[in-house]
Amino acid sequence: RWKPFLRLGASAGTTYLVDLSQTLLWRNVVVTVAARDATVADAEGRQVRDAVRLTFRYRGTLADAGLEELVFAPGVGLARVVEMTIAGPRVSVLERSAGAPTR
């Protein structure tokens, strides 16, 4: 059965359950559209506004890892990923914003 995983068009505050029972990591995950007006910076500090920020909460137990946040910026796509690792949070950001000069 097909179900939407990333509801980027949902209003801020929307919460929904993702339960992909065949995969250990995606069983009973609560996804929240935390913001539709987030600002995210690329690796060089340039800011992109009006991004959609999704947060993830696992209802089961995870030993040491899990996705905590995804941020999607308009005209860019996936701009920021926050994952929990055994060593603590790991943040990955966009290398360069759309339209930024290459070096």
PDB file of N, CA and C in Angstrom:
ATOM      1  N   ARG A   1       0.849  -1.174   0.000  1.00  0.00           N
ATOM      2  CA  ARG A   1       0.000   0.000   0.000  1.00  0.00           C
ATOM      3  C   ARG A   1       0.891   1.233   0.000  1.00  0.00           C
ATOM      4  N   TRP A   2       0.616   2.177  -0.860  1.00  0.00           N
ATOM      5  CA  TRP A   2       1.410   3.399  -0.966  1.00  0.00           C
ATOM      6  C   TRP A   2       0.906   4.431   0.028  1.00  0.00           C
ATOM      7  N   LYS A   3       1.842   5.068   0.735  1.00  0.00           N
ATOM      8  CA  LYS A   3       1.513   6.153   1.663  1.00  0.00           C
ATOM      9  C   LYS A   3       2.547   7.247   1.480  1.00  0.00           C
ATOM     10  N   PRO A   4       2.135   8.512   1.605  1.00  0.00           N
ATOM     11  CA  PRO A   4       3.131   9.595   1.496  1.00  0.00           C
ATOM     12  C   PRO A   4       4.081   9.569   2.683  1.00  0.00           C
ATOM     13  N   PHE A   5       5.370   9.708   2.397  1.00  0.00           N
ATOM     14  CA  PHE A   5       6.390   9.717   3.441  1.00  0.00           C
ATOM     15  C   PHE A   5       6.756  11.141   3.834  1.00  0.00           C
ATOM     16  N   LEU A   6       7.038  11.982   2.859  1.00  0.00           N
ATOM     17  CA  LEU A   6       7.385  13.375   3.114  1.00  0.00           C
ATOM     18  C   LEU A   6       6.224  14.254   2.678  1.00  0.00           C
ATOM     19  N   ARG A   7       5.515  14.813   3.615  1.00  0.00           N
ATOM     20  CA  ARG A   7       4.357  15.656   3.302  1.00  0.00           C
ATOM     21  C   ARG A   7       4.794  17.124   3.337  1.00  0.00           C
ATOM     22  N   LEU A   8       5.513  17.512   2.309  1.00  0.00           N
ATOM     23  CA  LEU A   8       6.086  18.858   2.274  1.00  0.00           C
ATOM     24  C   LEU A   8       5.033  19.942   2.129  1.00  0.00           C
ATOM     25  N   GLY A   9       3.855  19.611   1.656  1.00  0.00           N
ATOM     26  CA  GLY A   9       2.797  20.595   1.493  1.00  0.00           C
ATOM     27  C   GLY A   9       1.899  20.733   2.714  1.00  0.00           C
ATOM     28  N   ALA A  10       2.109  19.901   3.729  1.00  0.00           N
ATOM     29  CA  ALA A  10       1.262  19.950   4.926  1.00  0.00           C
ATOM     30  C   ALA A  10       1.545  21.205   5.740  1.00  0.00           C
ATOM     31  N   SER A  11       0.551  21.641   6.479  1.00  0.00           N
ATOM     32  CA  SER A  11       0.724  22.851   7.288  1.00  0.00           C
ATOM     33  C   SER A  11       1.611  22.577   8.505  1.00  0.00           C
ATOM     34  N   ALA A  12       2.235  23.636   9.013  1.00  0.00           N
ATOM     35  CA  ALA A  12       3.083  23.527  10.196  1.00  0.00           C
ATOM     36  C   ALA A  12       2.252  22.959  11.343  1.00  0.00           C
ATOM     37  N   GLY A  13       2.857  22.046  12.098  1.00  0.00           N
ATOM     38  CA  GLY A  13       2.182  21.410  13.219  1.00  0.00           C
ATOM     39  C   GLY A  13       1.568  20.069  12.869  1.00  0.00           C
ATOM     40  N   THR A  14       1.473  19.760  11.577  1.00  0.00           N
ATOM     41  CA  THR A  14       0.925  18.468  11.162  1.00  0.00           C
ATOM     42  C   THR A  14       1.835  17.350  11.645  1.00  0.00           C
ATOM     43  N   THR A  15       1.237  16.335  12.235  1.00  0.00           N
ATOM     44  CA  THR A  15       1.979  15.164  12.705  1.00  0.00           C
ATOM     45  C   THR A  15       1.351  13.931  12.079  1.00  0.00           C
ATOM     46  N   TYR A  16       2.192  12.998  11.628  1.00  0.00           N
ATOM     47  CA  TYR A  16       1.678  11.765  11.041  1.00  0.00           C
ATOM     48  C   TYR A  16       2.659  10.632  11.306  1.00  0.00           C
ATOM     49  N   LEU A  17       2.157   9.409  11.224  1.00  0.00           N
ATOM     50  CA  LEU A  17       2.946   8.218  11.518  1.00  0.00           C
ATOM     51  C   LEU A  17       3.442   7.588  10.227  1.00  0.00           C
ATOM     52  N   VAL A  18       4.714   7.211  10.207  1.00  0.00           N
ATOM     53  CA  VAL A  18       5.284   6.425   9.127  1.00  0.00           C
ATOM     54  C   VAL A  18       5.602   5.069   9.728  1.00  0.00           C
ATOM     55  N   ASP A  19       5.072   4.022   9.135  1.00  0.00           N
ATOM     56  CA  ASP A  19       5.314   2.681   9.656  1.00  0.00           C
ATOM     57  C   ASP A  19       5.628   1.751   8.491  1.00  0.00           C
ATOM     58  N   LEU A  20       6.891   1.679   8.150  1.00  0.00           N
ATOM     59  CA  LEU A  20       7.355   0.781   7.099  1.00  0.00           C
ATOM     60  C   LEU A  20       7.839  -0.482   7.799  1.00  0.00           C
ATOM     61  N   SER A  21       6.927  -1.402   8.047  1.00  0.00           N
ATOM     62  CA  SER A  21       7.189  -2.553   8.912  1.00  0.00           C
ATOM     63  C   SER A  21       8.322  -3.455   8.428  1.00  0.00           C
ATOM     64  N   GLN A  22       8.663  -3.389   7.163  1.00  0.00           N
ATOM     65  CA  GLN A  22       9.735  -4.236   6.639  1.00  0.00           C
ATOM     66  C   GLN A  22      11.132  -3.702   6.933  1.00  0.00           C
ATOM     67  N   THR A  23      11.231  -2.480   7.458  1.00  0.00           N
ATOM     68  CA  THR A  23      12.536  -1.901   7.742  1.00  0.00           C
ATOM     69  C   THR A  23      12.636  -1.554   9.221  1.00  0.00           C
ATOM     70  N   LEU A  24      13.717  -1.909   9.838  1.00  0.00           N
ATOM     71  CA  LEU A  24      13.893  -1.679  11.266  1.00  0.00           C
ATOM     72  C   LEU A  24      13.848  -0.192  11.619  1.00  0.00           C
ATOM     73  N   LEU A  25      14.525   0.638  10.844  1.00  0.00           N
ATOM     74  CA  LEU A  25      14.635   2.057  11.168  1.00  0.00           C
ATOM     75  C   LEU A  25      13.324   2.818  11.017  1.00  0.00           C
ATOM     76  N   TRP A  26      12.432   2.378  10.143  1.00  0.00           N
ATOM     77  CA  TRP A  26      11.226   3.156   9.842  1.00  0.00           C
ATOM     78  C   TRP A  26       9.948   2.527  10.367  1.00  0.00           C
ATOM     79  N   ARG A  27      10.046   1.821  11.482  1.00  0.00           N
ATOM     80  CA  ARG A  27       8.850   1.305  12.149  1.00  0.00           C
ATOM     81  C   ARG A  27       8.408   2.310  13.189  1.00  0.00           C
ATOM     82  N   ASN A  28       7.157   2.724  13.145  1.00  0.00           N
ATOM     83  CA  ASN A  28       6.586   3.614  14.163  1.00  0.00           C
ATOM     84  C   ASN A  28       7.348   4.921  14.331  1.00  0.00           C
ATOM     85  N   VAL A  29       7.555   5.623  13.240  1.00  0.00           N
ATOM     86  CA  VAL A  29       8.218   6.917  13.280  1.00  0.00           C
ATOM     87  C   VAL A  29       7.159   8.015  13.174  1.00  0.00           C
ATOM     88  N   VAL A  30       7.180   8.952  14.116  1.00  0.00           N
ATOM     89  CA  VAL A  30       6.257  10.082  14.081  1.00  0.00           C
ATOM     90  C   VAL A  30       6.972  11.243  13.408  1.00  0.00           C
ATOM     91  N   VAL A  31       6.395  11.731  12.314  1.00  0.00           N
ATOM     92  CA  VAL A  31       6.962  12.847  11.562  1.00  0.00           C
ATOM     93  C   VAL A  31       6.116  14.079  11.862  1.00  0.00           C
ATOM     94  N   THR A  32       6.778  15.196  12.138  1.00  0.00           N
ATOM     95  CA  THR A  32       6.088  16.458  12.391  1.00  0.00           C
ATOM     96  C   THR A  32       6.601  17.508  11.422  1.00  0.00           C
ATOM     97  N   VAL A  33       5.678  18.238  10.809  1.00  0.00           N
ATOM     98  CA  VAL A  33       6.058  19.395  10.002  1.00  0.00           C
ATOM     99  C   VAL A  33       6.281  20.514  11.020  1.00  0.00           C
ATOM    100  N   ALA A  34       7.523  20.680  11.428  1.00  0.00           N
ATOM    101  CA  ALA A  34       7.863  21.604  12.514  1.00  0.00           C
ATOM    102  C   ALA A  34       7.764  23.062  12.078  1.00  0.00           C
ATOM    103  N   ALA A  35       8.063  23.342  10.810  1.00  0.00           N
ATOM    104  CA  ALA A  35       8.001  24.726  10.317  1.00  0.00           C
ATOM    105  C   ALA A  35       7.894  24.724   8.805  1.00  0.00           C
ATOM    106  N   ARG A  36       7.236  25.739   8.287  1.00  0.00           N
ATOM    107  CA  ARG A  36       7.167  25.961   6.841  1.00  0.00           C
ATOM    108  C   ARG A  36       7.898  27.245   6.458  1.00  0.00           C
ATOM    109  N   ASP A  37       8.441  27.917   7.459  1.00  0.00           N
ATOM    110  CA  ASP A  37       9.126  29.193   7.236  1.00  0.00           C
ATOM    111  C   ASP A  37      10.528  29.191   7.839  1.00  0.00           C
ATOM    112  N   ALA A  38      11.153  28.018   7.850  1.00  0.00           N
ATOM    113  CA  ALA A  38      12.491  27.898   8.433  1.00  0.00           C
ATOM    114  C   ALA A  38      13.531  28.573   7.540  1.00  0.00           C
ATOM    115  N   THR A  39      14.626  28.979   8.142  1.00  0.00           N
ATOM    116  CA  THR A  39      15.776  29.512   7.414  1.00  0.00           C
ATOM    117  C   THR A  39      16.921  28.539   7.611  1.00  0.00           C
ATOM    118  N   VAL A  40      17.565  28.169   6.534  1.00  0.00           N
ATOM    119  CA  VAL A  40      18.676  27.225   6.594  1.00  0.00           C
ATOM    120  C   VAL A  40      19.873  27.862   5.893  1.00  0.00           C
ATOM    121  N   ALA A  41      21.052  27.663   6.474  1.00  0.00           N
ATOM    122  CA  ALA A  41      22.284  28.204   5.887  1.00  0.00           C
ATOM    123  C   ALA A  41      23.053  27.097   5.197  1.00  0.00           C
ATOM    124  N   ASP A  42      23.662  27.429   4.054  1.00  0.00           N
ATOM    125  CA  ASP A  42      24.519  26.453   3.395  1.00  0.00           C
ATOM    126  C   ASP A  42      25.875  26.428   4.092  1.00  0.00           C
ATOM    127  N   ALA A  43      26.788  25.634   3.587  1.00  0.00           N
ATOM    128  CA  ALA A  43      28.096  25.459   4.228  1.00  0.00           C
ATOM    129  C   ALA A  43      28.920  26.743   4.266  1.00  0.00           C
ATOM    130  N   GLU A  44      28.576  27.707   3.420  1.00  0.00           N
ATOM    131  CA  GLU A  44      29.314  28.969   3.391  1.00  0.00           C
ATOM    132  C   GLU A  44      28.563  30.092   4.097  1.00  0.00           C
ATOM    133  N   GLY A  45      27.469  29.749   4.786  1.00  0.00           N
ATOM    134  CA  GLY A  45      26.742  30.729   5.582  1.00  0.00           C
ATOM    135  C   GLY A  45      25.650  31.492   4.853  1.00  0.00           C
ATOM    136  N   ARG A  46      25.467  31.254   3.549  1.00  0.00           N
ATOM    137  CA  ARG A  46      24.376  31.907   2.825  1.00  0.00           C
ATOM    138  C   ARG A  46      23.054  31.307   3.261  1.00  0.00           C
ATOM    139  N   GLN A  47      22.042  32.131   3.454  1.00  0.00           N
ATOM    140  CA  GLN A  47      20.765  31.666   3.973  1.00  0.00           C
ATOM    141  C   GLN A  47      19.711  31.494   2.883  1.00  0.00           C
ATOM    142  N   VAL A  48      18.903  30.457   3.063  1.00  0.00           N
ATOM    143  CA  VAL A  48      17.756  30.198   2.204  1.00  0.00           C
ATOM    144  C   VAL A  48      16.539  30.217   3.119  1.00  0.00           C
ATOM    145  N   ARG A  49      15.540  31.006   2.757  1.00  0.00           N
ATOM    146  CA  ARG A  49      14.355  31.184   3.602  1.00  0.00           C
ATOM    147  C   ARG A  49      13.169  30.360   3.111  1.00  0.00           C
ATOM    148  N   ASP A  50      12.152  30.300   3.943  1.00  0.00           N
ATOM    149  CA  ASP A  50      10.883  29.618   3.635  1.00  0.00           C
ATOM    150  C   ASP A  50      11.066  28.121   3.396  1.00  0.00           C
ATOM    151  N   ALA A  51      11.960  27.520   4.144  1.00  0.00           N
ATOM    152  CA  ALA A  51      12.199  26.085   4.038  1.00  0.00           C
ATOM    153  C   ALA A  51      11.187  25.318   4.894  1.00  0.00           C
ATOM    154  N   VAL A  52      10.948  24.072   4.521  1.00  0.00           N
ATOM    155  CA  VAL A  52      10.071  23.179   5.276  1.00  0.00           C
ATOM    156  C   VAL A  52      10.955  22.290   6.140  1.00  0.00           C
ATOM    157  N   ARG A  53      10.703  22.315   7.456  1.00  0.00           N
ATOM    158  CA  ARG A  53      11.495  21.539   8.414  1.00  0.00           C
ATOM    159  C   ARG A  53      10.649  20.402   8.974  1.00  0.00           C
ATOM    160  N   LEU A  54      11.123  19.159   8.759  1.00  0.00           N
ATOM    161  CA  LEU A  54      10.453  17.971   9.275  1.00  0.00           C
ATOM    162  C   LEU A  54      11.282  17.396  10.416  1.00  0.00           C
ATOM    163  N   THR A  55      10.627  17.009  11.504  1.00  0.00           N
ATOM    164  CA  THR A  55      11.332  16.352  12.603  1.00  0.00           C
ATOM    165  C   THR A  55      10.801  14.926  12.740  1.00  0.00           C
ATOM    166  N   PHE A  56      11.624  14.052  13.302  1.00  0.00           N
ATOM    167  CA  PHE A  56      11.306  12.630  13.396  1.00  0.00           C
ATOM    168  C   PHE A  56      11.468  12.169  14.842  1.00  0.00           C
ATOM    169  N   ARG A  57      10.485  11.405  15.325  1.00  0.00           N
ATOM    170  CA  ARG A  57      10.546  10.838  16.674  1.00  0.00           C
ATOM    171  C   ARG A  57      10.216   9.351  16.550  1.00  0.00           C
ATOM    172  N   TYR A  58      11.075   8.533  17.094  1.00  0.00           N
ATOM    173  CA  TYR A  58      10.923   7.089  16.991  1.00  0.00           C
ATOM    174  C   TYR A  58      10.172   6.572  18.206  1.00  0.00           C
ATOM    175  N   ARG A  59       9.075   5.852  17.977  1.00  0.00           N
ATOM    176  CA  ARG A  59       8.277   5.326  19.076  1.00  0.00           C
ATOM    177  C   ARG A  59       8.853   4.031  19.603  1.00  0.00           C
ATOM    178  N   GLY A  60       9.679   3.372  18.826  1.00  0.00           N
ATOM    179  CA  GLY A  60      10.358   2.165  19.276  1.00  0.00           C
ATOM    180  C   GLY A  60      11.721   2.540  19.820  1.00  0.00           C
ATOM    181  N   THR A  61      12.563   1.566  20.017  1.00  0.00           N
ATOM    182  CA  THR A  61      13.907   1.841  20.520  1.00  0.00           C
ATOM    183  C   THR A  61      14.919   1.726  19.396  1.00  0.00           C
ATOM    184  N   LEU A  62      15.871   2.640  19.411  1.00  0.00           N
ATOM    185  CA  LEU A  62      17.000   2.610  18.488  1.00  0.00           C
ATOM    186  C   LEU A  62      18.259   2.601  19.332  1.00  0.00           C
ATOM    187  N   ALA A  63      19.175   1.752  18.993  1.00  0.00           N
ATOM    188  CA  ALA A  63      20.380   1.611  19.812  1.00  0.00           C
ATOM    189  C   ALA A  63      21.215   2.880  19.842  1.00  0.00           C
ATOM    190  N   ASP A  64      21.511   3.441  18.698  1.00  0.00           N
ATOM    191  CA  ASP A  64      22.458   4.559  18.704  1.00  0.00           C
ATOM    192  C   ASP A  64      22.289   5.530  17.550  1.00  0.00           C
ATOM    193  N   ALA A  65      21.269   5.404  16.764  1.00  0.00           N
ATOM    194  CA  ALA A  65      21.207   6.253  15.578  1.00  0.00           C
ATOM    195  C   ALA A  65      19.768   6.544  15.201  1.00  0.00           C
ATOM    196  N   GLY A  66      19.606   7.513  14.347  1.00  0.00           N
ATOM    197  CA  GLY A  66      18.288   7.819  13.822  1.00  0.00           C
ATOM    198  C   GLY A  66      18.260   9.204  13.219  1.00  0.00           C
ATOM    199  N   LEU A  67      17.393   9.361  12.259  1.00  0.00           N
ATOM    200  CA  LEU A  67      17.199  10.650  11.620  1.00  0.00           C
ATOM    201  C   LEU A  67      16.415  11.542  12.564  1.00  0.00           C
ATOM    202  N   GLU A  68      16.851  12.778  12.758  1.00  0.00           N
ATOM    203  CA  GLU A  68      16.157  13.698  13.647  1.00  0.00           C
ATOM    204  C   GLU A  68      15.457  14.821  12.907  1.00  0.00           C
ATOM    205  N   GLU A  69      16.036  15.257  11.787  1.00  0.00           N
ATOM    206  CA  GLU A  69      15.483  16.421  11.096  1.00  0.00           C
ATOM    207  C   GLU A  69      15.891  16.417   9.629  1.00  0.00           C
ATOM    208  N   LEU A  70      14.949  16.821   8.761  1.00  0.00           N
ATOM    209  CA  LEU A  70      15.228  17.093   7.357  1.00  0.00           C
ATOM    210  C   LEU A  70      14.680  18.480   7.062  1.00  0.00           C
ATOM    211  N   VAL A  71      15.438  19.273   6.289  1.00  0.00           N
ATOM    212  CA  VAL A  71      14.978  20.602   5.896  1.00  0.00           C
ATOM    213  C   VAL A  71      15.060  20.691   4.376  1.00  0.00           C
ATOM    214  N   PHE A  72      13.925  21.056   3.769  1.00  0.00           N
ATOM    215  CA  PHE A  72      13.828  21.200   2.325  1.00  0.00           C
ATOM    216  C   PHE A  72      13.622  22.671   1.995  1.00  0.00           C
ATOM    217  N   ALA A  73      14.496  23.228   1.160  1.00  0.00           N
ATOM    218  CA  ALA A  73      14.430  24.646   0.796  1.00  0.00           C
ATOM    219  C   ALA A  73      13.843  24.799  -0.602  1.00  0.00           C
ATOM    220  N   PRO A  74      13.016  25.834  -0.808  1.00  0.00           N
ATOM    221  CA  PRO A  74      12.421  26.043  -2.131  1.00  0.00           C
ATOM    222  C   PRO A  74      13.491  26.328  -3.185  1.00  0.00           C
ATOM    223  N   GLY A  75      13.331  25.700  -4.328  1.00  0.00           N
ATOM    224  CA  GLY A  75      14.278  25.891  -5.418  1.00  0.00           C
ATOM    225  C   GLY A  75      15.603  25.176  -5.211  1.00  0.00           C
ATOM    226  N   VAL A  76      15.733  24.486  -4.080  1.00  0.00           N
ATOM    227  CA  VAL A  76      16.986  23.812  -3.747  1.00  0.00           C
ATOM    228  C   VAL A  76      16.764  22.321  -3.542  1.00  0.00           C
ATOM    229  N   GLY A  77      15.776  21.976  -2.719  1.00  0.00           N
ATOM    230  CA  GLY A  77      15.545  20.581  -2.339  1.00  0.00           C
ATOM    231  C   GLY A  77      16.106  20.339  -0.947  1.00  0.00           C
ATOM    232  N   LEU A  78      16.622  19.147  -0.723  1.00  0.00           N
ATOM    233  CA  LEU A  78      17.157  18.791   0.588  1.00  0.00           C
ATOM    234  C   LEU A  78      18.356  19.672   0.921  1.00  0.00           C
ATOM    235  N   ALA A  79      18.254  20.441   2.018  1.00  0.00           N
ATOM    236  CA  ALA A  79      19.293  21.416   2.350  1.00  0.00           C
ATOM    237  C   ALA A  79      19.994  21.123   3.673  1.00  0.00           C
ATOM    238  N   ARG A  80      19.362  20.326   4.546  1.00  0.00           N
ATOM    239  CA  ARG A  80      19.972  20.041   5.852  1.00  0.00           C
ATOM    240  C   ARG A  80      19.444  18.703   6.350  1.00  0.00           C
ATOM    241  N   VAL A  81      20.360  17.915   6.947  1.00  0.00           N
ATOM    242  CA  VAL A  81      20.022  16.628   7.545  1.00  0.00           C
ATOM    243  C   VAL A  81      20.665  16.590   8.917  1.00  0.00           C
ATOM    244  N   VAL A  82      19.882  16.228   9.937  1.00  0.00           N
ATOM    245  CA  VAL A  82      20.424  16.038  11.276  1.00  0.00           C
ATOM    246  C   VAL A  82      20.160  14.591  11.659  1.00  0.00           C
ATOM    247  N   GLU A  83      21.241  13.871  11.974  1.00  0.00           N
ATOM    248  CA  GLU A  83      21.149  12.474  12.379  1.00  0.00           C
ATOM    249  C   GLU A  83      21.776  12.324  13.758  1.00  0.00           C
ATOM    250  N   MET A  84      21.223  11.426  14.553  1.00  0.00           N
ATOM    251  CA  MET A  84      21.841  11.096  15.822  1.00  0.00           C
ATOM    252  C   MET A  84      22.732   9.883  15.586  1.00  0.00           C
ATOM    253  N   THR A  85      23.958   9.962  16.088  1.00  0.00           N
ATOM    254  CA  THR A  85      24.884   8.843  15.997  1.00  0.00           C
ATOM    255  C   THR A  85      25.337   8.484  17.402  1.00  0.00           C
ATOM    256  N   ILE A  86      26.058   7.420  17.532  1.00  0.00           N
ATOM    257  CA  ILE A  86      26.559   7.007  18.842  1.00  0.00           C
ATOM    258  C   ILE A  86      27.479   8.070  19.442  1.00  0.00           C
ATOM    259  N   ALA A  87      28.093   8.888  18.572  1.00  0.00           N
ATOM    260  CA  ALA A  87      28.995   9.951  19.029  1.00  0.00           C
ATOM    261  C   ALA A  87      28.288  11.286  19.228  1.00  0.00           C
ATOM    262  N   GLY A  88      26.985  11.323  19.006  1.00  0.00           N
ATOM    263  CA  GLY A  88      26.235  12.571  19.135  1.00  0.00           C
ATOM    264  C   GLY A  88      25.651  12.992  17.804  1.00  0.00           C
ATOM    265  N   PRO A  89      24.999  14.151  17.757  1.00  0.00           N
ATOM    266  CA  PRO A  89      24.350  14.583  16.518  1.00  0.00           C
ATOM    267  C   PRO A  89      25.352  14.898  15.415  1.00  0.00           C
ATOM    268  N   ARG A  90      24.960  14.555  14.184  1.00  0.00           N
ATOM    269  CA  ARG A  90      25.767  14.889  13.003  1.00  0.00           C
ATOM    270  C   ARG A  90      24.877  15.713  12.087  1.00  0.00           C
ATOM    271  N   VAL A  91      25.350  16.905  11.699  1.00  0.00           N
ATOM    272  CA  VAL A  91      24.593  17.818  10.848  1.00  0.00           C
ATOM    273  C   VAL A  91      25.270  17.900   9.487  1.00  0.00           C
ATOM    274  N   SER A  92      24.503  17.673   8.445  1.00  0.00           N
ATOM    275  CA  SER A  92      24.988  17.828   7.071  1.00  0.00           C
ATOM    276  C   SER A  92      24.191  18.953   6.443  1.00  0.00           C
ATOM    277  N   VAL A  93      24.884  19.886   5.791  1.00  0.00           N
ATOM    278  CA  VAL A  93      24.211  21.012   5.139  1.00  0.00           C
ATOM    279  C   VAL A  93      24.590  21.066   3.672  1.00  0.00           C
ATOM    280  N   LEU A  94      23.776  21.778   2.936  1.00  0.00           N
ATOM    281  CA  LEU A  94      24.001  22.002   1.531  1.00  0.00           C
ATOM    282  C   LEU A  94      25.366  22.650   1.313  1.00  0.00           C
ATOM    283  N   GLU A  95      26.092  22.177   0.341  1.00  0.00           N
ATOM    284  CA  GLU A  95      27.413  22.752   0.069  1.00  0.00           C
ATOM    285  C   GLU A  95      27.304  24.174  -0.463  1.00  0.00           C
ATOM    286  N   ARG A  96      26.315  24.409  -1.318  1.00  0.00           N
ATOM    287  CA  ARG A  96      26.188  25.707  -1.952  1.00  0.00           C
ATOM    288  C   ARG A  96      24.728  25.952  -2.290  1.00  0.00           C
ATOM    289  N   SER A  97      24.213  27.119  -1.972  1.00  0.00           N
ATOM    290  CA  SER A  97      22.835  27.466  -2.284  1.00  0.00           C
ATOM    291  C   SER A  97      22.649  27.634  -3.784  1.00  0.00           C
ATOM    292  N   ALA A  98      21.430  27.454  -4.239  1.00  0.00           N
ATOM    293  CA  ALA A  98      21.107  27.649  -5.653  1.00  0.00           C
ATOM    294  C   ALA A  98      21.479  29.071  -6.063  1.00  0.00           C
ATOM    295  N   GLY A  99      22.082  29.207  -7.197  1.00  0.00           N
ATOM    296  CA  GLY A  99      22.432  30.512  -7.702  1.00  0.00           C
ATOM    297  C   GLY A  99      23.725  31.075  -7.128  1.00  0.00           C
ATOM    298  N   ALA A 100      24.335  30.382  -6.188  1.00  0.00           N
ATOM    299  CA  ALA A 100      25.587  30.856  -5.606  1.00  0.00           C
ATOM    300  C   ALA A 100      26.729  30.598  -6.589  1.00  0.00           C
ATOM    301  N   PRO A 101      27.678  31.499  -6.639  1.00  0.00           N
ATOM    302  CA  PRO A 101      28.806  31.284  -7.570  1.00  0.00           C
ATOM    303  C   PRO A 101      29.647  30.085  -7.128  1.00  0.00           C
ATOM    304  N   THR A 102      30.161  29.350  -8.094  1.00  0.00           N
ATOM    305  CA  THR A 102      31.035  28.219  -7.779  1.00  0.00           C
ATOM    306  C   THR A 102      32.452  28.730  -7.645  1.00  0.00           C
ATOM    307  N   ARG A 103      33.225  28.027  -6.867  1.00  0.00           N
ATOM    308  CA  ARG A 103      34.625  28.428  -6.674  1.00  0.00           C
ATOM    309  C   ARG A 103      35.541  27.367  -7.188  1.00  0.00           C
TER     310      ARG A 103
END
